[in-house]
Amino acid sequence: MDQPLTCRPAPPGRRSPHARGREPVAEVLPQEYVLVPTEQLEPHPDNPHRGDVGLIGESIERNGWYGATLVQRSRMRIIAGEHRWRAAQAKGLAMTPALLLDVDDDQALRIMLADNRISDYGHYDDPALAALLASLPDLAGTGWTPDDLADLDAALPAWVEVVGQERPERAEPPAAVRAPEEEAGAARGPHPSASSAAEAAAPGPAAPLTPASASSGRAELLVVFAPEEHAEAIALIRAIRDRDGETSVGRIVLAALRAHAT
């Protein structure tokens, strides 16, 4: 077996070179990375979390094993990664990568609870997630299914377009590109003289389609955000709509431009 990789905290009074100029903010626990026979590990008896061993097994098949289970060295008890270990058992893996931690029972319990709980506070940027999933040729090994992607896509606002995925045709163009006066014109329909003028026009080469002519008299405006600004923009639009009702994105953008210009 290869020499295990160990990580020990610096002796008292000796600071890490990475902490120069500032006080250290965390302790690095004594830990050792080893390959452990799978049958030598045991799950924590008080772990309340239940995972999907089948999905984890699919990920191991598609992507291979990565990372390590966290194990309390004194008991060879798993405190994080129990369901990956169970998937390893199901797949017949003889050895399991483990990070052995020198912690007591109380600290092991707190680490287990924190590992289970803290991820619950995260959330997804749904448009970014849908675009990322749609960019893959298949979803094998991701934990996501085509039905998940379809549900995610259906829940997105009508004006959000996912690049890389075929979406159903919409009767109306995205609300984000409509100006207020264009929305009013669309509600009234084409001017009565428009069709007669077109019929009276002499035949000739068709004019090239422009954003306005391609969308029944509406002009399109594409607004590009930096990745870090995208989620904030979506959140602000939702907050404005919660306050003002289903205001179109065109009106929101126009109001912001007017306020910025004055």
C-alpha atoms as a PDB file:
ATOM      1  CA  MET A   1       0.000   0.000   0.000  1.00  0.00           C
ATOM      2  CA  ASP A   2       1.243   3.494  -0.753  1.00  0.00           C
ATOM      3  CA  GLN A   3       2.430   5.621   2.139  1.00  0.00           C
ATOM      4  CA  PRO A   4      -0.676   7.318   3.575  1.00  0.00           C
ATOM      5  CA  LEU A   5      -1.022  11.077   3.336  1.00  0.00           C
ATOM      6  CA  THR A   6      -1.243  12.656   6.777  1.00  0.00           C
ATOM      7  CA  CYS A   7      -2.175  16.144   7.891  1.00  0.00           C
ATOM      8  CA  ARG A   8      -1.228  17.296  11.372  1.00  0.00           C
ATOM      9  CA  PRO A   9      -1.794  20.723  12.950  1.00  0.00           C
ATOM     10  CA  ALA A  10       1.220  22.963  13.491  1.00  0.00           C
ATOM     11  CA  PRO A  11       2.857  22.695  16.949  1.00  0.00           C
ATOM     12  CA  PRO A  12       1.692  25.244  19.551  1.00  0.00           C
ATOM     13  CA  GLY A  13       3.231  28.652  18.992  1.00  0.00           C
ATOM     14  CA  ARG A  14       4.036  27.942  15.346  1.00  0.00           C
ATOM     15  CA  ARG A  15       1.819  29.543  12.719  1.00  0.00           C
ATOM     16  CA  SER A  16       1.131  28.338   9.236  1.00  0.00           C
ATOM     17  CA  PRO A  17       3.018  30.329   6.557  1.00  0.00           C
ATOM     18  CA  HIS A  18      -0.372  30.923   4.906  1.00  0.00           C
ATOM     19  CA  ALA A  19      -1.584  32.768   8.014  1.00  0.00           C
ATOM     20  CA  ARG A  20       1.105  35.477   8.024  1.00  0.00           C
ATOM     21  CA  GLY A  21      -0.287  38.920   8.609  1.00  0.00           C
ATOM     22  CA  ARG A  22      -3.573  37.643   9.998  1.00  0.00           C
ATOM     23  CA  GLU A  23      -4.844  35.466  12.791  1.00  0.00           C
ATOM     24  CA  PRO A  24      -5.707  31.853  11.843  1.00  0.00           C
ATOM     25  CA  VAL A  25      -9.464  31.374  11.732  1.00  0.00           C
ATOM     26  CA  ALA A  26      -9.780  27.581  11.832  1.00  0.00           C
ATOM     27  CA  GLU A  27      -8.041  24.462  13.064  1.00  0.00           C
ATOM     28  CA  VAL A  28      -6.932  21.673  10.751  1.00  0.00           C
ATOM     29  CA  LEU A  29      -7.909  18.411  12.400  1.00  0.00           C
ATOM     30  CA  PRO A  30      -5.401  15.545  12.538  1.00  0.00           C
ATOM     31  CA  GLN A  31      -6.320  13.355   9.593  1.00  0.00           C
ATOM     32  CA  GLU A  32      -4.903  10.584   7.450  1.00  0.00           C
ATOM     33  CA  TYR A  33      -5.953   9.491   3.958  1.00  0.00           C
ATOM     34  CA  VAL A  34      -5.883   5.701   3.531  1.00  0.00           C
ATOM     35  CA  LEU A  35      -7.526   2.903   1.568  1.00  0.00           C
ATOM     36  CA  VAL A  36      -9.493   0.813   4.059  1.00  0.00           C
ATOM     37  CA  PRO A  37     -11.035  -2.618   3.463  1.00  0.00           C
ATOM     38  CA  THR A  38     -14.702  -1.846   2.943  1.00  0.00           C
ATOM     39  CA  GLU A  39     -15.877  -4.396   5.507  1.00  0.00           C
ATOM     40  CA  GLN A  40     -13.767  -2.771   8.261  1.00  0.00           C
ATOM     41  CA  LEU A  41     -15.910   0.370   8.289  1.00  0.00           C
ATOM     42  CA  GLU A  42     -19.226   0.760  10.073  1.00  0.00           C
ATOM     43  CA  PRO A  43     -21.959   3.416   9.788  1.00  0.00           C
ATOM     44  CA  HIS A  44     -22.655   5.777  12.662  1.00  0.00           C
ATOM     45  CA  PRO A  45     -25.568   4.231  14.607  1.00  0.00           C
ATOM     46  CA  ASP A  46     -27.189   7.634  15.202  1.00  0.00           C
ATOM     47  CA  ASN A  47     -27.068   8.936  11.633  1.00  0.00           C
ATOM     48  CA  PRO A  48     -30.612  10.215  10.884  1.00  0.00           C
ATOM     49  CA  HIS A  49     -29.930  10.979   7.211  1.00  0.00           C
ATOM     50  CA  ARG A  50     -31.159   8.672   4.445  1.00  0.00           C
ATOM     51  CA  GLY A  51     -29.575   8.865   1.006  1.00  0.00           C
ATOM     52  CA  ASP A  52     -30.283   7.353  -2.402  1.00  0.00           C
ATOM     53  CA  VAL A  53     -27.758   4.527  -2.643  1.00  0.00           C
ATOM     54  CA  GLY A  54     -28.895   3.658  -6.165  1.00  0.00           C
ATOM     55  CA  LEU A  55     -28.182   7.136  -7.554  1.00  0.00           C
ATOM     56  CA  ILE A  56     -24.810   7.217  -5.800  1.00  0.00           C
ATOM     57  CA  GLY A  57     -24.008   3.831  -7.320  1.00  0.00           C
ATOM     58  CA  GLU A  58     -24.837   5.164 -10.789  1.00  0.00           C
ATOM     59  CA  SER A  59     -22.442   8.062 -10.202  1.00  0.00           C
ATOM     60  CA  ILE A  60     -19.677   5.668  -9.128  1.00  0.00           C
ATOM     61  CA  GLU A  61     -20.248   3.577 -12.264  1.00  0.00           C
ATOM     62  CA  ARG A  62     -20.159   6.590 -14.581  1.00  0.00           C
ATOM     63  CA  ASN A  63     -17.576   8.824 -12.894  1.00  0.00           C
ATOM     64  CA  GLY A  64     -15.554   6.491 -10.691  1.00  0.00           C
ATOM     65  CA  TRP A  65     -14.994   7.008  -6.967  1.00  0.00           C
ATOM     66  CA  TYR A  66     -13.760  10.459  -5.997  1.00  0.00           C
ATOM     67  CA  GLY A  67     -13.062  11.967  -2.576  1.00  0.00           C
ATOM     68  CA  ALA A  68     -13.212   9.974   0.631  1.00  0.00           C
ATOM     69  CA  THR A  69     -15.509   8.973   3.465  1.00  0.00           C
ATOM     70  CA  LEU A  70     -14.834  10.711   6.787  1.00  0.00           C
ATOM     71  CA  VAL A  71     -14.107   8.162   9.508  1.00  0.00           C
ATOM     72  CA  GLN A  72     -13.605   8.445  13.278  1.00  0.00           C
ATOM     73  CA  ARG A  73     -10.286   6.631  13.655  1.00  0.00           C
ATOM     74  CA  SER A  74     -10.816   5.307  17.173  1.00  0.00           C
ATOM     75  CA  ARG A  75     -13.983   3.439  16.177  1.00  0.00           C
ATOM     76  CA  MET A  76     -13.528   3.097  12.394  1.00  0.00           C
ATOM     77  CA  ARG A  77     -17.011   4.622  12.258  1.00  0.00           C
ATOM     78  CA  ILE A  78     -18.243   6.641   9.272  1.00  0.00           C
ATOM     79  CA  ILE A  79     -19.253  10.203  10.168  1.00  0.00           C
ATOM     80  CA  ALA A  80     -19.734  11.502   6.603  1.00  0.00           C
ATOM     81  CA  GLY A  81     -20.232   9.508   3.396  1.00  0.00           C
ATOM     82  CA  GLU A  82     -22.187   6.535   4.754  1.00  0.00           C
ATOM     83  CA  HIS A  83     -24.290   6.126   1.617  1.00  0.00           C
ATOM     84  CA  ARG A  84     -21.253   6.288  -0.657  1.00  0.00           C
ATOM     85  CA  TRP A  85     -19.824   3.472   1.460  1.00  0.00           C
ATOM     86  CA  ARG A  86     -23.071   1.526   1.084  1.00  0.00           C
ATOM     87  CA  ALA A  87     -22.924   2.076  -2.677  1.00  0.00           C
ATOM     88  CA  ALA A  88     -19.323   0.848  -2.649  1.00  0.00           C
ATOM     89  CA  GLN A  89     -20.492  -2.291  -0.867  1.00  0.00           C
ATOM     90  CA  ALA A  90     -23.273  -2.811  -3.413  1.00  0.00           C
ATOM     91  CA  LYS A  91     -20.775  -2.419  -6.275  1.00  0.00           C
ATOM     92  CA  GLY A  92     -18.384  -4.900  -4.686  1.00  0.00           C
ATOM     93  CA  LEU A  93     -15.522  -2.457  -4.072  1.00  0.00           C
ATOM     94  CA  ALA A  94     -13.014  -4.198  -1.797  1.00  0.00           C
ATOM     95  CA  MET A  95     -11.313  -0.977  -0.658  1.00  0.00           C
ATOM     96  CA  THR A  96     -12.851   2.357   0.286  1.00  0.00           C
ATOM     97  CA  PRO A  97     -10.906   5.655   0.332  1.00  0.00           C
ATOM     98  CA  ALA A  98     -11.187   7.096   3.831  1.00  0.00           C
ATOM     99  CA  LEU A  99     -10.025  10.174   5.699  1.00  0.00           C
ATOM    100  CA  LEU A 100      -9.332   9.047   9.270  1.00  0.00           C
ATOM    101  CA  LEU A 101     -10.006  11.820  11.795  1.00  0.00           C
ATOM    102  CA  ASP A 102      -8.704  11.879  15.357  1.00  0.00           C
ATOM    103  CA  VAL A 103     -11.903  13.094  17.038  1.00  0.00           C
ATOM    104  CA  ASP A 104     -13.882  12.044  20.109  1.00  0.00           C
ATOM    105  CA  ASP A 105     -17.492  10.862  20.078  1.00  0.00           C
ATOM    106  CA  ASP A 106     -18.966  14.329  20.676  1.00  0.00           C
ATOM    107  CA  GLN A 107     -16.965  15.924  17.875  1.00  0.00           C
ATOM    108  CA  ALA A 108     -17.748  13.030  15.518  1.00  0.00           C
ATOM    109  CA  LEU A 109     -21.471  13.491  16.181  1.00  0.00           C
ATOM    110  CA  ARG A 110     -21.302  17.234  15.533  1.00  0.00           C
ATOM    111  CA  ILE A 111     -19.359  16.754  12.291  1.00  0.00           C
ATOM    112  CA  MET A 112     -21.928  14.195  11.122  1.00  0.00           C
ATOM    113  CA  LEU A 113     -24.849  16.510  11.899  1.00  0.00           C
ATOM    114  CA  ALA A 114     -23.159  19.498  10.267  1.00  0.00           C
ATOM    115  CA  ASP A 115     -22.312  17.510   7.126  1.00  0.00           C
ATOM    116  CA  ASN A 116     -25.954  16.420   6.817  1.00  0.00           C
ATOM    117  CA  ARG A 117     -27.519  19.769   7.611  1.00  0.00           C
ATOM    118  CA  ILE A 118     -25.443  22.592   6.151  1.00  0.00           C
ATOM    119  CA  SER A 119     -25.999  21.554   2.535  1.00  0.00           C
ATOM    120  CA  ASP A 120     -29.759  21.873   3.144  1.00  0.00           C
ATOM    121  CA  TYR A 121     -29.330  25.644   3.274  1.00  0.00           C
ATOM    122  CA  GLY A 122     -28.051  25.803  -0.302  1.00  0.00           C
ATOM    123  CA  HIS A 123     -30.250  26.455  -3.312  1.00  0.00           C
ATOM    124  CA  TYR A 124     -30.008  26.373  -7.093  1.00  0.00           C
ATOM    125  CA  ASP A 125     -29.926  29.103  -9.681  1.00  0.00           C
ATOM    126  CA  ASP A 126     -32.625  27.318 -11.716  1.00  0.00           C
ATOM    127  CA  PRO A 127     -31.932  28.942 -15.123  1.00  0.00           C
ATOM    128  CA  ALA A 128     -28.196  28.269 -14.762  1.00  0.00           C
ATOM    129  CA  LEU A 129     -28.863  24.669 -13.673  1.00  0.00           C
ATOM    130  CA  ALA A 130     -31.255  24.055 -16.581  1.00  0.00           C
ATOM    131  CA  ALA A 131     -28.732  25.455 -19.061  1.00  0.00           C
ATOM    132  CA  LEU A 132     -25.930  23.321 -17.595  1.00  0.00           C
ATOM    133  CA  LEU A 133     -27.972  20.112 -17.715  1.00  0.00           C
ATOM    134  CA  ALA A 134     -29.209  20.885 -21.232  1.00  0.00           C
ATOM    135  CA  SER A 135     -25.611  21.356 -22.403  1.00  0.00           C
ATOM    136  CA  LEU A 136     -24.740  17.699 -21.653  1.00  0.00           C
ATOM    137  CA  PRO A 137     -25.262  14.969 -24.263  1.00  0.00           C
ATOM    138  CA  ASP A 138     -26.824  12.791 -21.534  1.00  0.00           C
ATOM    139  CA  LEU A 139     -27.444  12.972 -17.785  1.00  0.00           C
ATOM    140  CA  ALA A 140     -25.810   9.671 -16.776  1.00  0.00           C
ATOM    141  CA  GLY A 141     -23.961   9.924 -13.479  1.00  0.00           C
ATOM    142  CA  THR A 142     -25.274  13.392 -12.601  1.00  0.00           C
ATOM    143  CA  GLY A 143     -28.097  12.395 -10.250  1.00  0.00           C
ATOM    144  CA  TRP A 144     -30.529  14.188 -12.593  1.00  0.00           C
ATOM    145  CA  THR A 145     -32.993  12.616 -15.020  1.00  0.00           C
ATOM    146  CA  PRO A 146     -34.644  13.886 -18.220  1.00  0.00           C
ATOM    147  CA  ASP A 147     -37.892  14.175 -16.244  1.00  0.00           C
ATOM    148  CA  ASP A 148     -36.110  16.393 -13.702  1.00  0.00           C
ATOM    149  CA  LEU A 149     -34.914  18.632 -16.515  1.00  0.00           C
ATOM    150  CA  ALA A 150     -38.394  18.774 -18.062  1.00  0.00           C
ATOM    151  CA  ASP A 151     -39.925  19.731 -14.697  1.00  0.00           C
ATOM    152  CA  LEU A 152     -37.240  22.345 -14.133  1.00  0.00           C
ATOM    153  CA  ASP A 153     -37.744  23.807 -17.591  1.00  0.00           C
ATOM    154  CA  ALA A 154     -41.533  23.921 -17.168  1.00  0.00           C
ATOM    155  CA  ALA A 155     -41.159  25.825 -13.885  1.00  0.00           C
ATOM    156  CA  LEU A 156     -38.977  28.566 -15.382  1.00  0.00           C
ATOM    157  CA  PRO A 157     -40.595  31.910 -16.213  1.00  0.00           C
ATOM    158  CA  ALA A 158     -41.769  32.140 -19.826  1.00  0.00           C
ATOM    159  CA  TRP A 159     -39.156  34.780 -20.642  1.00  0.00           C
ATOM    160  CA  VAL A 160     -36.214  32.559 -19.617  1.00  0.00           C
ATOM    161  CA  GLU A 161     -34.739  30.675 -22.565  1.00  0.00           C
ATOM    162  CA  VAL A 162     -32.455  27.690 -21.973  1.00  0.00           C
ATOM    163  CA  VAL A 163     -29.692  27.647 -24.573  1.00  0.00           C
ATOM    164  CA  GLY A 164     -28.909  24.195 -25.928  1.00  0.00           C
ATOM    165  CA  GLN A 165     -32.347  22.701 -25.360  1.00  0.00           C
ATOM    166  CA  GLU A 166     -35.361  22.512 -27.631  1.00  0.00           C
ATOM    167  CA  ARG A 167     -38.289  24.153 -25.872  1.00  0.00           C
ATOM    168  CA  PRO A 168     -41.955  24.297 -26.962  1.00  0.00           C
ATOM    169  CA  GLU A 169     -42.906  27.131 -29.262  1.00  0.00           C
ATOM    170  CA  ARG A 170     -44.422  30.066 -27.421  1.00  0.00           C
ATOM    171  CA  ALA A 171     -47.242  32.139 -28.816  1.00  0.00           C
ATOM    172  CA  GLU A 172     -45.629  35.309 -27.503  1.00  0.00           C
ATOM    173  CA  PRO A 173     -41.986  36.416 -27.603  1.00  0.00           C
ATOM    174  CA  PRO A 174     -40.149  36.671 -24.267  1.00  0.00           C
ATOM    175  CA  ALA A 175     -41.602  39.413 -22.074  1.00  0.00           C
ATOM    176  CA  ALA A 176     -38.089  40.639 -21.375  1.00  0.00           C
ATOM    177  CA  VAL A 177     -37.847  42.174 -24.860  1.00  0.00           C
ATOM    178  CA  ARG A 178     -41.149  44.076 -25.032  1.00  0.00           C
ATOM    179  CA  ALA A 179     -41.396  47.829 -24.643  1.00  0.00           C
ATOM    180  CA  PRO A 180     -44.626  49.175 -23.063  1.00  0.00           C
ATOM    181  CA  GLU A 181     -45.940  50.867 -26.180  1.00  0.00           C
ATOM    182  CA  GLU A 182     -45.303  47.709 -28.198  1.00  0.00           C
ATOM    183  CA  GLU A 183     -47.295  45.625 -25.711  1.00  0.00           C
ATOM    184  CA  ALA A 184     -50.205  48.046 -26.078  1.00  0.00           C
ATOM    185  CA  GLY A 185     -49.985  47.840 -29.866  1.00  0.00           C
ATOM    186  CA  ALA A 186     -49.957  44.031 -29.726  1.00  0.00           C
ATOM    187  CA  ALA A 187     -53.085  44.034 -27.556  1.00  0.00           C
ATOM    188  CA  ARG A 188     -54.961  46.209 -30.098  1.00  0.00           C
ATOM    189  CA  GLY A 189     -53.784  44.135 -33.051  1.00  0.00           C
ATOM    190  CA  PRO A 190     -52.394  45.408 -36.385  1.00  0.00           C
ATOM    191  CA  HIS A 191     -53.633  48.738 -37.673  1.00  0.00           C
ATOM    192  CA  PRO A 192     -56.511  48.321 -40.202  1.00  0.00           C
ATOM    193  CA  SER A 193     -54.532  50.101 -42.883  1.00  0.00           C
ATOM    194  CA  ALA A 194     -51.556  47.801 -42.534  1.00  0.00           C
ATOM    195  CA  SER A 195     -52.984  44.875 -44.521  1.00  0.00           C
ATOM    196  CA  SER A 196     -54.446  47.037 -47.288  1.00  0.00           C
ATOM    197  CA  ALA A 197     -51.153  48.903 -47.661  1.00  0.00           C
ATOM    198  CA  ALA A 198     -49.325  45.627 -47.933  1.00  0.00           C
ATOM    199  CA  GLU A 199     -51.738  44.335 -50.576  1.00  0.00           C
ATOM    200  CA  ALA A 200     -51.357  47.509 -52.610  1.00  0.00           C
ATOM    201  CA  ALA A 201     -47.584  47.396 -52.537  1.00  0.00           C
ATOM    202  CA  ALA A 202     -45.895  46.326 -55.754  1.00  0.00           C
ATOM    203  CA  PRO A 203     -44.278  42.889 -55.707  1.00  0.00           C
ATOM    204  CA  GLY A 204     -40.574  42.965 -55.060  1.00  0.00           C
ATOM    205  CA  PRO A 205     -37.826  41.309 -53.036  1.00  0.00           C
ATOM    206  CA  ALA A 206     -38.863  40.722 -49.426  1.00  0.00           C
ATOM    207  CA  ALA A 207     -37.329  43.035 -46.886  1.00  0.00           C
ATOM    208  CA  PRO A 208     -34.885  41.300 -44.534  1.00  0.00           C
ATOM    209  CA  LEU A 209     -36.467  40.260 -41.264  1.00  0.00           C
ATOM    210  CA  THR A 210     -35.606  42.526 -38.334  1.00  0.00           C
ATOM    211  CA  PRO A 211     -36.344  41.881 -34.679  1.00  0.00           C
ATOM    212  CA  ALA A 212     -39.414  44.161 -34.959  1.00  0.00           C
ATOM    213  CA  SER A 213     -40.861  42.629 -38.143  1.00  0.00           C
ATOM    214  CA  ALA A 214     -40.113  39.088 -36.956  1.00  0.00           C
ATOM    215  CA  SER A 215     -42.156  39.552 -33.806  1.00  0.00           C
ATOM    216  CA  SER A 216     -45.340  41.215 -35.067  1.00  0.00           C
ATOM    217  CA  GLY A 217     -44.308  44.806 -34.484  1.00  0.00           C
ATOM    218  CA  ARG A 218     -42.337  44.245 -31.328  1.00  0.00           C
ATOM    219  CA  ALA A 219     -38.680  45.186 -30.965  1.00  0.00           C
ATOM    220  CA  GLU A 220     -36.338  42.825 -29.179  1.00  0.00           C
ATOM    221  CA  LEU A 221     -33.710  43.910 -26.671  1.00  0.00           C
ATOM    222  CA  LEU A 222     -31.182  41.365 -25.442  1.00  0.00           C
ATOM    223  CA  VAL A 223     -29.681  42.185 -22.050  1.00  0.00           C
ATOM    224  CA  VAL A 224     -26.501  40.278 -21.174  1.00  0.00           C
ATOM    225  CA  PHE A 225     -25.475  39.838 -17.528  1.00  0.00           C
ATOM    226  CA  ALA A 226     -22.201  38.697 -16.010  1.00  0.00           C
ATOM    227  CA  PRO A 227     -22.667  35.281 -14.342  1.00  0.00           C
ATOM    228  CA  GLU A 228     -22.449  36.752 -10.851  1.00  0.00           C
ATOM    229  CA  GLU A 229     -25.166  39.314 -11.700  1.00  0.00           C
ATOM    230  CA  HIS A 230     -27.625  36.901 -13.308  1.00  0.00           C
ATOM    231  CA  ALA A 231     -29.111  35.435 -10.124  1.00  0.00           C
ATOM    232  CA  GLU A 232     -29.417  38.910  -8.580  1.00  0.00           C
ATOM    233  CA  ALA A 233     -31.297  40.195 -11.641  1.00  0.00           C
ATOM    234  CA  ILE A 234     -33.750  37.270 -11.521  1.00  0.00           C
ATOM    235  CA  ALA A 235     -34.302  37.821  -7.783  1.00  0.00           C
ATOM    236  CA  LEU A 236     -34.936  41.553  -8.265  1.00  0.00           C
ATOM    237  CA  ILE A 237     -37.451  40.920 -11.054  1.00  0.00           C
ATOM    238  CA  ARG A 238     -39.314  38.440  -8.873  1.00  0.00           C
ATOM    239  CA  ALA A 239     -39.316  40.888  -5.935  1.00  0.00           C
ATOM    240  CA  ILE A 240     -40.735  43.664  -8.144  1.00  0.00           C
ATOM    241  CA  ARG A 241     -43.441  41.353  -9.464  1.00  0.00           C
ATOM    242  CA  ASP A 242     -44.311  40.243  -5.933  1.00  0.00           C
ATOM    243  CA  ARG A 243     -44.782  43.905  -5.050  1.00  0.00           C
ATOM    244  CA  ASP A 244     -46.383  45.263  -8.236  1.00  0.00           C
ATOM    245  CA  GLY A 245     -48.060  42.214  -9.752  1.00  0.00           C
ATOM    246  CA  GLU A 246     -47.217  40.561 -13.057  1.00  0.00           C
ATOM    247  CA  THR A 247     -45.429  43.545 -14.531  1.00  0.00           C
ATOM    248  CA  SER A 248     -43.636  42.753 -17.779  1.00  0.00           C
ATOM    249  CA  VAL A 249     -39.870  42.656 -17.750  1.00  0.00           C
ATOM    250  CA  GLY A 250     -39.917  45.238 -20.541  1.00  0.00           C
ATOM    251  CA  ARG A 251     -41.620  47.739 -18.255  1.00  0.00           C
ATOM    252  CA  ILE A 252     -39.211  46.954 -15.422  1.00  0.00           C
ATOM    253  CA  VAL A 253     -36.168  47.469 -17.656  1.00  0.00           C
ATOM    254  CA  LEU A 254     -37.553  50.667 -19.151  1.00  0.00           C
ATOM    255  CA  ALA A 255     -38.324  52.115 -15.719  1.00  0.00           C
ATOM    256  CA  ALA A 256     -34.787  51.322 -14.570  1.00  0.00           C
ATOM    257  CA  LEU A 257     -33.284  52.956 -17.676  1.00  0.00           C
ATOM    258  CA  ARG A 258     -35.397  56.085 -17.192  1.00  0.00           C
ATOM    259  CA  ALA A 259     -34.409  56.320 -13.532  1.00  0.00           C
ATOM    260  CA  HIS A 260     -30.737  55.853 -14.401  1.00  0.00           C
ATOM    261  CA  ALA A 261     -30.845  58.485 -17.164  1.00  0.00           C
ATOM    262  CA  THR A 262     -32.362  61.243 -15.011  1.00  0.00           C
END
